[in-house]
Amino acid sequence: MTACGSHQDNVCQDIGDCSRGGSGDWITSCQAEAKALQGETAATGCGPDFDVYFTCADSNYSCQGATALFPGCAEALSALDACLAAATTNTSCARLQASEASCAASGPDAGTTTGTPAACTAARDCAAQCYLAGVADGCAPQVDELQNVSVCAASCPP
């Protein structure tokens, strides 16, 4: 665990160590996502929920097999998710997330811990709009559709 790291950095380290074989790349990516998410939550009024959840998760981590668990933090995570859902309900990010959830509900990775959710930055919202507008079936995009999505997303803000 990173000494003197933020709560979210520590949670990413814990998940990476437990569920991702200690992958430094995964941990670094998770920490970057957590930082972006922290900025999004501050901008949308969800900052207090972010802080409560990550403080809880940092204090209540356990690893069972290859599954990172944060017992006692479900209510805090639900509050954070609800706040973010309300704040981003009309974004392309939210529509894409709903579409992906319907695809993954019965897939092989259903219920898998993936770490920190991605922040809905302007660039991600734009890319999500490109994907939603560019593919006929979000669960099974065609190669040519993905090429068009890539071209569209290249015009999104950095």
N, C-alpha and C. Protein backbone atom coordinates (compact mmCIF):
# COMPACT_ATOMS: atom_id res chain seq x y z
N MET A 1 0.85 -1.18 0.00
CA MET A 1 0.00 0.00 0.00
C MET A 1 0.89 1.23 0.00
N THR A 2 0.49 2.25 -0.72
CA THR A 2 1.24 3.49 -0.84
C THR A 2 1.16 4.28 0.46
N ALA A 3 2.34 4.59 1.02
CA ALA A 3 2.36 5.38 2.24
C ALA A 3 1.92 6.80 1.93
N CYS A 4 1.09 7.35 2.77
CA CYS A 4 0.62 8.72 2.64
C CYS A 4 -0.15 8.98 1.35
N GLY A 5 -0.64 7.94 0.70
CA GLY A 5 -1.45 8.12 -0.49
C GLY A 5 -2.84 8.56 -0.11
N SER A 6 -3.58 9.03 -1.09
CA SER A 6 -4.97 9.39 -0.84
C SER A 6 -5.78 8.11 -0.63
N HIS A 7 -6.97 8.27 -0.09
CA HIS A 7 -7.83 7.11 0.11
C HIS A 7 -8.08 6.40 -1.22
N GLN A 8 -8.37 7.16 -2.28
CA GLN A 8 -8.65 6.52 -3.55
C GLN A 8 -7.41 5.85 -4.14
N ASP A 9 -6.22 6.42 -3.94
CA ASP A 9 -4.99 5.77 -4.40
C ASP A 9 -4.81 4.44 -3.68
N ASN A 10 -5.08 4.44 -2.37
CA ASN A 10 -4.93 3.21 -1.60
C ASN A 10 -5.93 2.14 -2.04
N VAL A 11 -7.17 2.55 -2.34
CA VAL A 11 -8.19 1.60 -2.80
C VAL A 11 -7.76 1.00 -4.14
N CYS A 12 -7.26 1.82 -5.04
CA CYS A 12 -6.78 1.30 -6.32
C CYS A 12 -5.63 0.32 -6.11
N GLN A 13 -4.73 0.65 -5.22
CA GLN A 13 -3.62 -0.24 -4.91
C GLN A 13 -4.15 -1.56 -4.36
N ASP A 14 -5.12 -1.50 -3.46
CA ASP A 14 -5.70 -2.71 -2.87
C ASP A 14 -6.36 -3.58 -3.94
N ILE A 15 -7.17 -2.98 -4.80
CA ILE A 15 -7.84 -3.75 -5.85
C ILE A 15 -6.79 -4.34 -6.80
N GLY A 16 -5.81 -3.53 -7.17
CA GLY A 16 -4.75 -4.00 -8.07
C GLY A 16 -3.98 -5.16 -7.49
N ASP A 17 -3.63 -5.06 -6.21
CA ASP A 17 -2.88 -6.14 -5.56
C ASP A 17 -3.70 -7.42 -5.46
N CYS A 18 -4.98 -7.27 -5.15
CA CYS A 18 -5.84 -8.43 -4.92
C CYS A 18 -6.37 -9.04 -6.22
N SER A 19 -6.93 -8.20 -7.08
CA SER A 19 -7.68 -8.68 -8.24
C SER A 19 -6.92 -8.60 -9.56
N ARG A 20 -5.83 -7.86 -9.58
CA ARG A 20 -5.11 -7.65 -10.84
C ARG A 20 -3.65 -8.08 -10.76
N GLY A 21 -3.33 -8.93 -9.80
CA GLY A 21 -1.97 -9.45 -9.69
C GLY A 21 -0.92 -8.40 -9.43
N GLY A 22 -1.30 -7.27 -8.85
CA GLY A 22 -0.35 -6.22 -8.54
C GLY A 22 0.10 -5.42 -9.75
N SER A 23 -0.65 -5.47 -10.84
CA SER A 23 -0.28 -4.77 -12.07
C SER A 23 -0.11 -3.28 -11.83
N GLY A 24 1.13 -2.82 -11.97
CA GLY A 24 1.42 -1.40 -11.80
C GLY A 24 0.68 -0.53 -12.81
N ASP A 25 0.57 -1.03 -14.04
CA ASP A 25 -0.15 -0.27 -15.08
C ASP A 25 -1.62 -0.11 -14.70
N TRP A 26 -2.24 -1.22 -14.23
CA TRP A 26 -3.64 -1.15 -13.86
C TRP A 26 -3.84 -0.19 -12.68
N ILE A 27 -2.97 -0.28 -11.68
CA ILE A 27 -3.07 0.56 -10.50
C ILE A 27 -2.91 2.03 -10.88
N THR A 28 -1.93 2.35 -11.72
CA THR A 28 -1.72 3.72 -12.16
C THR A 28 -2.93 4.24 -12.93
N SER A 29 -3.49 3.41 -13.81
CA SER A 29 -4.68 3.80 -14.56
C SER A 29 -5.87 4.03 -13.63
N CYS A 30 -6.06 3.14 -12.67
CA CYS A 30 -7.14 3.28 -11.70
C CYS A 30 -6.98 4.58 -10.91
N GLN A 31 -5.77 4.87 -10.48
CA GLN A 31 -5.53 6.09 -9.71
C GLN A 31 -5.81 7.34 -10.54
N ALA A 32 -5.47 7.31 -11.83
CA ALA A 32 -5.77 8.44 -12.70
C ALA A 32 -7.28 8.60 -12.87
N GLU A 33 -7.99 7.48 -13.03
CA GLU A 33 -9.45 7.52 -13.14
C GLU A 33 -10.07 8.06 -11.85
N ALA A 34 -9.53 7.62 -10.72
CA ALA A 34 -10.06 8.07 -9.43
C ALA A 34 -9.87 9.58 -9.27
N LYS A 35 -8.74 10.08 -9.73
CA LYS A 35 -8.49 11.53 -9.65
C LYS A 35 -9.47 12.29 -10.54
N ALA A 36 -9.71 11.78 -11.75
CA ALA A 36 -10.68 12.41 -12.65
C ALA A 36 -12.08 12.34 -12.05
N LEU A 37 -12.42 11.20 -11.46
CA LEU A 37 -13.72 11.05 -10.83
C LEU A 37 -13.87 12.01 -9.65
N GLN A 38 -12.81 12.21 -8.90
CA GLN A 38 -12.85 13.15 -7.79
C GLN A 38 -13.16 14.56 -8.30
N GLY A 39 -12.56 14.93 -9.41
CA GLY A 39 -12.84 16.23 -10.00
C GLY A 39 -14.29 16.34 -10.47
N GLU A 40 -14.79 15.27 -11.08
CA GLU A 40 -16.18 15.27 -11.54
C GLU A 40 -17.14 15.37 -10.35
N THR A 41 -16.85 14.62 -9.28
CA THR A 41 -17.75 14.65 -8.12
C THR A 41 -17.73 16.03 -7.46
N ALA A 42 -16.58 16.67 -7.44
CA ALA A 42 -16.50 18.02 -6.87
C ALA A 42 -17.33 18.99 -7.70
N ALA A 43 -17.28 18.84 -9.01
CA ALA A 43 -18.01 19.75 -9.91
C ALA A 43 -19.52 19.52 -9.89
N THR A 44 -19.94 18.31 -9.54
CA THR A 44 -21.37 17.98 -9.58
C THR A 44 -22.03 17.97 -8.20
N GLY A 45 -21.27 18.32 -7.17
CA GLY A 45 -21.84 18.33 -5.82
C GLY A 45 -21.81 16.97 -5.13
N CYS A 46 -21.11 16.02 -5.73
CA CYS A 46 -21.05 14.66 -5.15
C CYS A 46 -19.75 14.43 -4.38
N GLY A 47 -18.96 15.48 -4.21
CA GLY A 47 -17.68 15.35 -3.51
C GLY A 47 -17.77 14.73 -2.13
N PRO A 48 -18.75 15.14 -1.29
CA PRO A 48 -18.84 14.52 0.03
C PRO A 48 -19.12 13.01 -0.04
N ASP A 49 -19.95 12.58 -0.99
CA ASP A 49 -20.22 11.15 -1.14
C ASP A 49 -18.96 10.41 -1.60
N PHE A 50 -18.18 11.02 -2.48
CA PHE A 50 -16.92 10.45 -2.93
C PHE A 50 -15.99 10.23 -1.74
N ASP A 51 -15.85 11.29 -0.93
CA ASP A 51 -14.96 11.21 0.23
C ASP A 51 -15.40 10.14 1.22
N VAL A 52 -16.70 10.07 1.50
CA VAL A 52 -17.21 9.08 2.45
C VAL A 52 -16.93 7.67 1.94
N TYR A 53 -17.23 7.42 0.66
CA TYR A 53 -17.02 6.07 0.13
C TYR A 53 -15.55 5.67 0.17
N PHE A 54 -14.67 6.51 -0.36
CA PHE A 54 -13.26 6.12 -0.43
C PHE A 54 -12.60 6.05 0.94
N THR A 55 -13.05 6.86 1.89
CA THR A 55 -12.55 6.73 3.26
C THR A 55 -12.97 5.38 3.83
N CYS A 56 -14.23 5.01 3.61
CA CYS A 56 -14.73 3.72 4.09
C CYS A 56 -13.97 2.57 3.42
N ALA A 57 -13.86 2.63 2.10
CA ALA A 57 -13.21 1.54 1.36
C ALA A 57 -11.74 1.39 1.76
N ASP A 58 -11.07 2.50 1.99
CA ASP A 58 -9.66 2.44 2.40
C ASP A 58 -9.52 1.79 3.77
N SER A 59 -10.51 1.99 4.63
CA SER A 59 -10.46 1.46 6.00
C SER A 59 -10.99 0.04 6.12
N ASN A 60 -11.75 -0.43 5.12
CA ASN A 60 -12.45 -1.71 5.25
C ASN A 60 -12.12 -2.71 4.15
N TYR A 61 -10.94 -2.65 3.62
CA TYR A 61 -10.52 -3.54 2.54
C TYR A 61 -10.21 -4.94 3.05
N SER A 62 -10.65 -5.92 2.27
CA SER A 62 -10.20 -7.29 2.48
C SER A 62 -10.10 -7.97 1.12
N CYS A 63 -9.27 -8.97 1.05
CA CYS A 63 -9.07 -9.70 -0.20
C CYS A 63 -9.43 -11.16 0.05
N GLN A 64 -10.38 -11.66 -0.73
CA GLN A 64 -10.77 -13.06 -0.63
C GLN A 64 -10.51 -13.71 -1.98
N GLY A 65 -9.48 -14.53 -2.01
CA GLY A 65 -9.07 -15.10 -3.29
C GLY A 65 -8.52 -14.00 -4.15
N ALA A 66 -9.17 -13.78 -5.28
CA ALA A 66 -8.76 -12.69 -6.17
C ALA A 66 -9.87 -11.63 -6.25
N THR A 67 -10.63 -11.50 -5.17
CA THR A 67 -11.73 -10.54 -5.14
C THR A 67 -11.50 -9.52 -4.04
N ALA A 68 -11.41 -8.26 -4.44
CA ALA A 68 -11.28 -7.17 -3.47
C ALA A 68 -12.66 -6.87 -2.91
N LEU A 69 -12.77 -6.81 -1.62
CA LEU A 69 -14.03 -6.53 -0.95
C LEU A 69 -13.86 -5.34 -0.02
N PHE A 70 -14.96 -4.61 0.18
CA PHE A 70 -14.96 -3.44 1.06
C PHE A 70 -16.19 -3.53 1.95
N PRO A 71 -16.17 -4.48 2.90
CA PRO A 71 -17.36 -4.70 3.74
C PRO A 71 -17.74 -3.46 4.53
N GLY A 72 -19.05 -3.24 4.59
CA GLY A 72 -19.57 -2.09 5.33
C GLY A 72 -19.63 -0.82 4.51
N CYS A 73 -19.24 -0.88 3.23
CA CYS A 73 -19.20 0.33 2.40
C CYS A 73 -20.27 0.37 1.33
N ALA A 74 -21.13 -0.62 1.29
CA ALA A 74 -22.15 -0.69 0.23
C ALA A 74 -23.07 0.52 0.25
N GLU A 75 -23.46 0.96 1.42
CA GLU A 75 -24.36 2.12 1.52
C GLU A 75 -23.67 3.38 1.00
N ALA A 76 -22.40 3.55 1.35
CA ALA A 76 -21.65 4.72 0.88
C ALA A 76 -21.47 4.66 -0.63
N LEU A 77 -21.21 3.48 -1.18
CA LEU A 77 -21.07 3.34 -2.63
C LEU A 77 -22.40 3.62 -3.33
N SER A 78 -23.49 3.13 -2.75
CA SER A 78 -24.81 3.39 -3.33
C SER A 78 -25.12 4.89 -3.34
N ALA A 79 -24.76 5.58 -2.28
CA ALA A 79 -24.99 7.03 -2.22
C ALA A 79 -24.17 7.75 -3.28
N LEU A 80 -22.91 7.35 -3.47
CA LEU A 80 -22.07 7.95 -4.49
C LEU A 80 -22.63 7.66 -5.88
N ASP A 81 -23.00 6.41 -6.13
CA ASP A 81 -23.57 6.04 -7.43
C ASP A 81 -24.85 6.82 -7.71
N ALA A 82 -25.71 6.95 -6.71
CA ALA A 82 -26.98 7.67 -6.88
C ALA A 82 -26.73 9.15 -7.19
N CYS A 83 -25.78 9.75 -6.49
CA CYS A 83 -25.47 11.15 -6.72
C CYS A 83 -24.93 11.35 -8.14
N LEU A 84 -24.00 10.50 -8.54
CA LEU A 84 -23.44 10.61 -9.88
C LEU A 84 -24.49 10.33 -10.95
N ALA A 85 -25.35 9.36 -10.71
CA ALA A 85 -26.41 9.05 -11.67
C ALA A 85 -27.33 10.26 -11.86
N ALA A 86 -27.68 10.90 -10.76
CA ALA A 86 -28.56 12.08 -10.84
C ALA A 86 -27.85 13.23 -11.55
N ALA A 87 -26.56 13.39 -11.29
CA ALA A 87 -25.82 14.51 -11.86
C ALA A 87 -25.50 14.31 -13.34
N THR A 88 -25.44 13.07 -13.78
CA THR A 88 -25.04 12.80 -15.17
C THR A 88 -26.14 12.14 -15.98
N THR A 89 -27.36 12.18 -15.50
CA THR A 89 -28.46 11.44 -16.12
C THR A 89 -28.68 11.77 -17.59
N ASN A 90 -28.41 12.98 -18.02
CA ASN A 90 -28.66 13.36 -19.41
C ASN A 90 -27.41 13.33 -20.28
N THR A 91 -26.36 12.70 -19.82
CA THR A 91 -25.12 12.67 -20.60
C THR A 91 -25.05 11.42 -21.48
N SER A 92 -24.21 11.49 -22.48
CA SER A 92 -23.96 10.32 -23.32
C SER A 92 -23.25 9.24 -22.51
N CYS A 93 -22.44 9.65 -21.55
CA CYS A 93 -21.78 8.67 -20.68
C CYS A 93 -22.81 7.78 -19.99
N ALA A 94 -23.85 8.40 -19.45
CA ALA A 94 -24.89 7.64 -18.74
C ALA A 94 -25.65 6.73 -19.69
N ARG A 95 -25.95 7.22 -20.89
CA ARG A 95 -26.66 6.37 -21.85
C ARG A 95 -25.79 5.20 -22.29
N LEU A 96 -24.49 5.44 -22.49
CA LEU A 96 -23.59 4.36 -22.88
C LEU A 96 -23.44 3.36 -21.74
N GLN A 97 -23.33 3.85 -20.51
CA GLN A 97 -23.21 2.95 -19.37
C GLN A 97 -24.45 2.06 -19.25
N ALA A 98 -25.63 2.62 -19.46
CA ALA A 98 -26.85 1.82 -19.41
C ALA A 98 -26.85 0.77 -20.52
N SER A 99 -26.39 1.15 -21.70
CA SER A 99 -26.31 0.21 -22.81
C SER A 99 -25.33 -0.92 -22.50
N GLU A 100 -24.17 -0.57 -21.96
CA GLU A 100 -23.18 -1.58 -21.61
C GLU A 100 -23.68 -2.51 -20.51
N ALA A 101 -24.42 -1.97 -19.58
CA ALA A 101 -24.96 -2.79 -18.48
C ALA A 101 -25.90 -3.85 -19.03
N SER A 102 -26.68 -3.50 -20.04
CA SER A 102 -27.60 -4.50 -20.60
C SER A 102 -26.81 -5.59 -21.33
N CYS A 103 -25.66 -5.25 -21.90
CA CYS A 103 -24.84 -6.25 -22.59
C CYS A 103 -24.15 -7.17 -21.58
N ALA A 104 -23.67 -6.60 -20.50
CA ALA A 104 -22.86 -7.34 -19.53
C ALA A 104 -23.67 -8.09 -18.49
N ALA A 105 -24.97 -7.85 -18.43
CA ALA A 105 -25.79 -8.45 -17.38
C ALA A 105 -25.66 -9.97 -17.32
N SER A 106 -25.45 -10.59 -18.46
CA SER A 106 -25.35 -12.05 -18.46
C SER A 106 -24.02 -12.53 -19.01
N GLY A 107 -23.08 -11.61 -19.23
CA GLY A 107 -21.80 -11.98 -19.79
C GLY A 107 -20.87 -12.62 -18.77
N PRO A 108 -19.70 -13.08 -19.22
CA PRO A 108 -18.76 -13.77 -18.34
C PRO A 108 -18.17 -12.90 -17.24
N ASP A 109 -18.19 -11.58 -17.42
CA ASP A 109 -17.62 -10.68 -16.42
C ASP A 109 -18.66 -10.07 -15.50
N ALA A 110 -19.90 -10.56 -15.54
CA ALA A 110 -20.97 -10.01 -14.70
C ALA A 110 -20.57 -10.09 -13.23
N GLY A 111 -20.69 -8.97 -12.53
CA GLY A 111 -20.38 -8.93 -11.11
C GLY A 111 -18.91 -8.75 -10.78
N THR A 112 -18.05 -8.61 -11.77
CA THR A 112 -16.62 -8.48 -11.53
C THR A 112 -16.30 -7.06 -11.06
N THR A 113 -15.41 -6.95 -10.08
CA THR A 113 -14.95 -5.66 -9.61
C THR A 113 -14.00 -5.08 -10.64
N THR A 114 -14.31 -3.89 -11.15
CA THR A 114 -13.46 -3.27 -12.16
C THR A 114 -12.70 -2.08 -11.62
N GLY A 115 -12.98 -1.66 -10.41
CA GLY A 115 -12.28 -0.53 -9.84
C GLY A 115 -13.11 0.73 -9.91
N THR A 116 -12.43 1.83 -10.00
CA THR A 116 -13.07 3.13 -10.00
C THR A 116 -13.81 3.37 -11.30
N PRO A 117 -15.07 3.83 -11.22
CA PRO A 117 -15.77 4.14 -12.47
C PRO A 117 -15.12 5.32 -13.17
N ALA A 118 -15.20 5.31 -14.49
CA ALA A 118 -14.59 6.40 -15.27
C ALA A 118 -15.39 7.69 -15.10
N ALA A 119 -14.68 8.78 -14.96
CA ALA A 119 -15.32 10.08 -14.86
C ALA A 119 -15.90 10.45 -16.22
N CYS A 120 -17.00 11.15 -16.22
CA CYS A 120 -17.64 11.58 -17.46
C CYS A 120 -17.12 12.97 -17.82
N THR A 121 -15.89 12.99 -18.32
CA THR A 121 -15.29 14.25 -18.76
C THR A 121 -15.92 14.66 -20.09
N ALA A 122 -15.64 15.87 -20.53
CA ALA A 122 -16.16 16.33 -21.82
C ALA A 122 -15.68 15.42 -22.94
N ALA A 123 -14.43 14.99 -22.88
CA ALA A 123 -13.89 14.10 -23.92
C ALA A 123 -14.59 12.75 -23.91
N ARG A 124 -14.82 12.20 -22.74
CA ARG A 124 -15.50 10.90 -22.65
C ARG A 124 -16.97 11.01 -23.06
N ASP A 125 -17.61 12.10 -22.71
CA ASP A 125 -19.01 12.27 -23.11
C ASP A 125 -19.10 12.37 -24.63
N CYS A 126 -18.18 13.09 -25.24
CA CYS A 126 -18.13 13.21 -26.69
C CYS A 126 -17.88 11.84 -27.33
N ALA A 127 -16.91 11.09 -26.82
CA ALA A 127 -16.61 9.76 -27.37
C ALA A 127 -17.79 8.82 -27.20
N ALA A 128 -18.48 8.92 -26.06
CA ALA A 128 -19.67 8.09 -25.84
C ALA A 128 -20.74 8.43 -26.87
N GLN A 129 -20.93 9.71 -27.16
CA GLN A 129 -21.90 10.12 -28.18
C GLN A 129 -21.51 9.56 -29.54
N CYS A 130 -20.23 9.59 -29.86
CA CYS A 130 -19.76 9.02 -31.13
C CYS A 130 -20.11 7.54 -31.21
N TYR A 131 -19.89 6.82 -30.12
CA TYR A 131 -20.18 5.38 -30.11
C TYR A 131 -21.68 5.13 -30.25
N LEU A 132 -22.46 5.84 -29.46
CA LEU A 132 -23.91 5.63 -29.49
C LEU A 132 -24.50 5.96 -30.86
N ALA A 133 -23.99 6.99 -31.50
CA ALA A 133 -24.49 7.39 -32.82
C ALA A 133 -23.92 6.53 -33.94
N GLY A 134 -22.78 5.90 -33.68
CA GLY A 134 -22.08 5.20 -34.75
C GLY A 134 -22.28 3.70 -34.86
N VAL A 135 -22.90 3.10 -33.87
CA VAL A 135 -23.09 1.65 -33.94
C VAL A 135 -24.57 1.30 -33.86
N ALA A 136 -24.97 0.32 -34.63
CA ALA A 136 -26.38 -0.09 -34.64
C ALA A 136 -26.71 -0.93 -33.41
N ASP A 137 -25.77 -1.79 -33.00
CA ASP A 137 -25.97 -2.66 -31.84
C ASP A 137 -24.79 -2.46 -30.91
N GLY A 138 -25.00 -1.73 -29.82
CA GLY A 138 -23.92 -1.42 -28.89
C GLY A 138 -23.28 -2.64 -28.27
N CYS A 139 -23.98 -3.76 -28.25
CA CYS A 139 -23.43 -4.99 -27.67
C CYS A 139 -22.60 -5.77 -28.68
N ALA A 140 -22.75 -5.46 -29.97
CA ALA A 140 -22.02 -6.19 -31.00
C ALA A 140 -21.67 -5.25 -32.16
N PRO A 141 -20.77 -4.29 -31.90
CA PRO A 141 -20.43 -3.35 -32.97
C PRO A 141 -19.65 -4.05 -34.09
N GLN A 142 -19.84 -3.56 -35.29
CA GLN A 142 -19.13 -4.07 -36.46
C GLN A 142 -17.81 -3.31 -36.61
N VAL A 143 -16.84 -3.94 -37.26
CA VAL A 143 -15.52 -3.34 -37.41
C VAL A 143 -15.60 -1.98 -38.11
N ASP A 144 -16.38 -1.90 -39.20
CA ASP A 144 -16.48 -0.62 -39.91
C ASP A 144 -17.13 0.45 -39.04
N GLU A 145 -18.06 0.04 -38.18
CA GLU A 145 -18.68 1.00 -37.26
C GLU A 145 -17.65 1.53 -36.27
N LEU A 146 -16.80 0.64 -35.77
CA LEU A 146 -15.77 1.05 -34.82
C LEU A 146 -14.77 2.01 -35.47
N GLN A 147 -14.47 1.79 -36.75
CA GLN A 147 -13.58 2.71 -37.45
C GLN A 147 -14.21 4.09 -37.54
N ASN A 148 -15.51 4.15 -37.82
CA ASN A 148 -16.22 5.44 -37.88
C ASN A 148 -16.27 6.10 -36.51
N VAL A 149 -16.47 5.30 -35.46
CA VAL A 149 -16.49 5.84 -34.10
C VAL A 149 -15.12 6.44 -33.77
N SER A 150 -14.07 5.76 -34.17
CA SER A 150 -12.72 6.24 -33.91
C SER A 150 -12.46 7.57 -34.60
N VAL A 151 -12.91 7.69 -35.85
CA VAL A 151 -12.75 8.95 -36.59
C VAL A 151 -13.52 10.06 -35.89
N CYS A 152 -14.76 9.77 -35.49
CA CYS A 152 -15.58 10.77 -34.78
C CYS A 152 -14.91 11.19 -33.47
N ALA A 153 -14.46 10.19 -32.69
CA ALA A 153 -13.88 10.47 -31.37
C ALA A 153 -12.58 11.27 -31.48
N ALA A 154 -11.90 11.17 -32.61
CA ALA A 154 -10.66 11.93 -32.80
C ALA A 154 -10.94 13.44 -32.80
N SER A 155 -12.18 13.83 -33.07
CA SER A 155 -12.51 15.25 -33.08
C SER A 155 -12.99 15.75 -31.70
N CYS A 156 -13.04 14.85 -30.73
CA CYS A 156 -13.49 15.22 -29.38
C CYS A 156 -12.40 16.04 -28.67
N PRO A 157 -12.80 16.84 -27.70
CA PRO A 157 -11.79 17.61 -26.96
C PRO A 157 -10.85 16.69 -26.20
N PRO A 158 -9.63 17.14 -25.97
CA PRO A 158 -8.67 16.29 -25.23
C PRO A 158 -9.05 16.16 -23.76
